[in-house]
Every structure is written in structure tokens, then in C-alpha cells.
Amino acid sequence: MTTRWDLDCSAHPAALASAVLHRPDAHPFWSYYQISAIHLRPIEGMAPARKHNPASTHELQVLALKSHEGFDPSQPSTFKALLPPNLIIQIESTDELAIELWSQLVRAIDDRELNPDTDHRSAQLAWLRRLTVERPRVSDLVAYGSRCAWWDDKQRVGSRRVGAHALPCCPHCSGVLLETTWESWTKGVEEHAEQSGDGAYPAFIEWLRGKCFPSLRAARAAYDASKPN
């Protein structure tokens, strides 16, 4: 039987989600495994993340833990990981997708669909590739505010802590974000300009990129005021 502990990641700014699973059947000597999802964004006061690829934005980890005296699977301060890690895979993703992949990975190990031991790494990688192959790249996505007028490339979103998880948000007001593809975004801007007869709308939207206003009306007023008379 597998036992699971979901961990509080609030003390670890790069961690999005983490859990420990007890799988006594996975290996004759190691039975506790920590599975985590982290982002690779710069964090003030910390060394830059080591990226395997410049495009990598997130990392999924599987670590085997020593069950030494004083070890408590619910307390990360007691953890001593075996090296090298059982699995490290870096991906181009969003926080939401990384957490979703992490959740599915944890579930697959919990349900014994996957064995977390290093002897089964090829099966782990094949399983992850099967999940990620049809996902859109982060560089193909646009994020935009649901309650503010901010928009930008998905890679430029902010992050806020909600319980044990870090969720993407507007980097200025921490508002909730929605997302779409660049193709749909560009098409929507062009269609609005044509239907409204507002020829300046595409230039306004491009000016607005990366800026946060409480509404499109407020943003348009600021844009119009910024133009020379």
C-alpha cells in the first residue's frame, strides 16, 4: 500500500508542488520518494538555476530519501536525499501545466503505474514524453489579465502563493490570468480593429504589452495621452 504526504512549499520560493510517497515495493533498500515541480525563474539572493536547455522553464524531480533516525516524511527539514536524483527532467511549460504534470506523475507512482526507482528511468521518461508531446510550447502562448489589462508572453507571468502551491498571476497586481495562443490573440486584435473601425487598436495593444491597468478604458486613455499632439 502506498502512503502519500503533500508538503508545504511556502518556505521554498522555486517550489510549485511537492509530495512524498512511501513505495516499499519499488526498491529493496529505499522506499520513500519525493516528487516535486519547480520553476527555473531567477530568485533574488539565490544562484541562477542550472538549465539543461536555455528554453527550459520548469523542472520535475524524483528523489529517493534516506529513512534515517529522525526522518519524518511530512517534514522536509529532516530529508536527506540520495544522489544522484532518480529523475530530473526540464521542460518548457507554464506553472499550471507543470503542476498538472507533477500531479499526474505523483498519481502514476501512487497507483503503481510507474516505479520511481532509477532502474525504471526509461519508462518514466517515455511516460512524460507521451504527456508533453502534444502540449503547446510556452513561447506559443499569451497570458492576459481577467481583471486587469496586462498581457504578455506566457514566460513573463508573475507568481503568487496560494496555500501550498505557487500560481501564475499578473506580475504587477497579482491578478488572475487567462491564456490563449499567439495565433488566436493576433486574430482577435485584427478582428476587433476591423469590426470597430479602430485603426489604432493594434498599435494600442502592442503599446499595452507588459503594462498593467485596471481596465482597457484606463489603458486606452493613458495610450492616447502618451501620443504627441
Foldseek 3Di string as FASTA:
>chain_A
DKDKAWEQCPVPVFWFTKMWIAQCPLDVAFGIKMKTKGFQDDDPPDDGDDDPDPQFTMKIFIWTWHPDPPDDRHDPVRTDTDPPTLDIDTDQDASVVSVVLSVVLVVCVRVVVARSGNVRVVVVVVVSCVVPVPDDGQQFKKKAAPQKGEIERRSPWDWDDDGRGIHTAHPPPRGDIDMDGPVVVVVVQVVCCVVVVPPCSVVLSVVRYSPIDRDVVVSVVVVVVPDDD
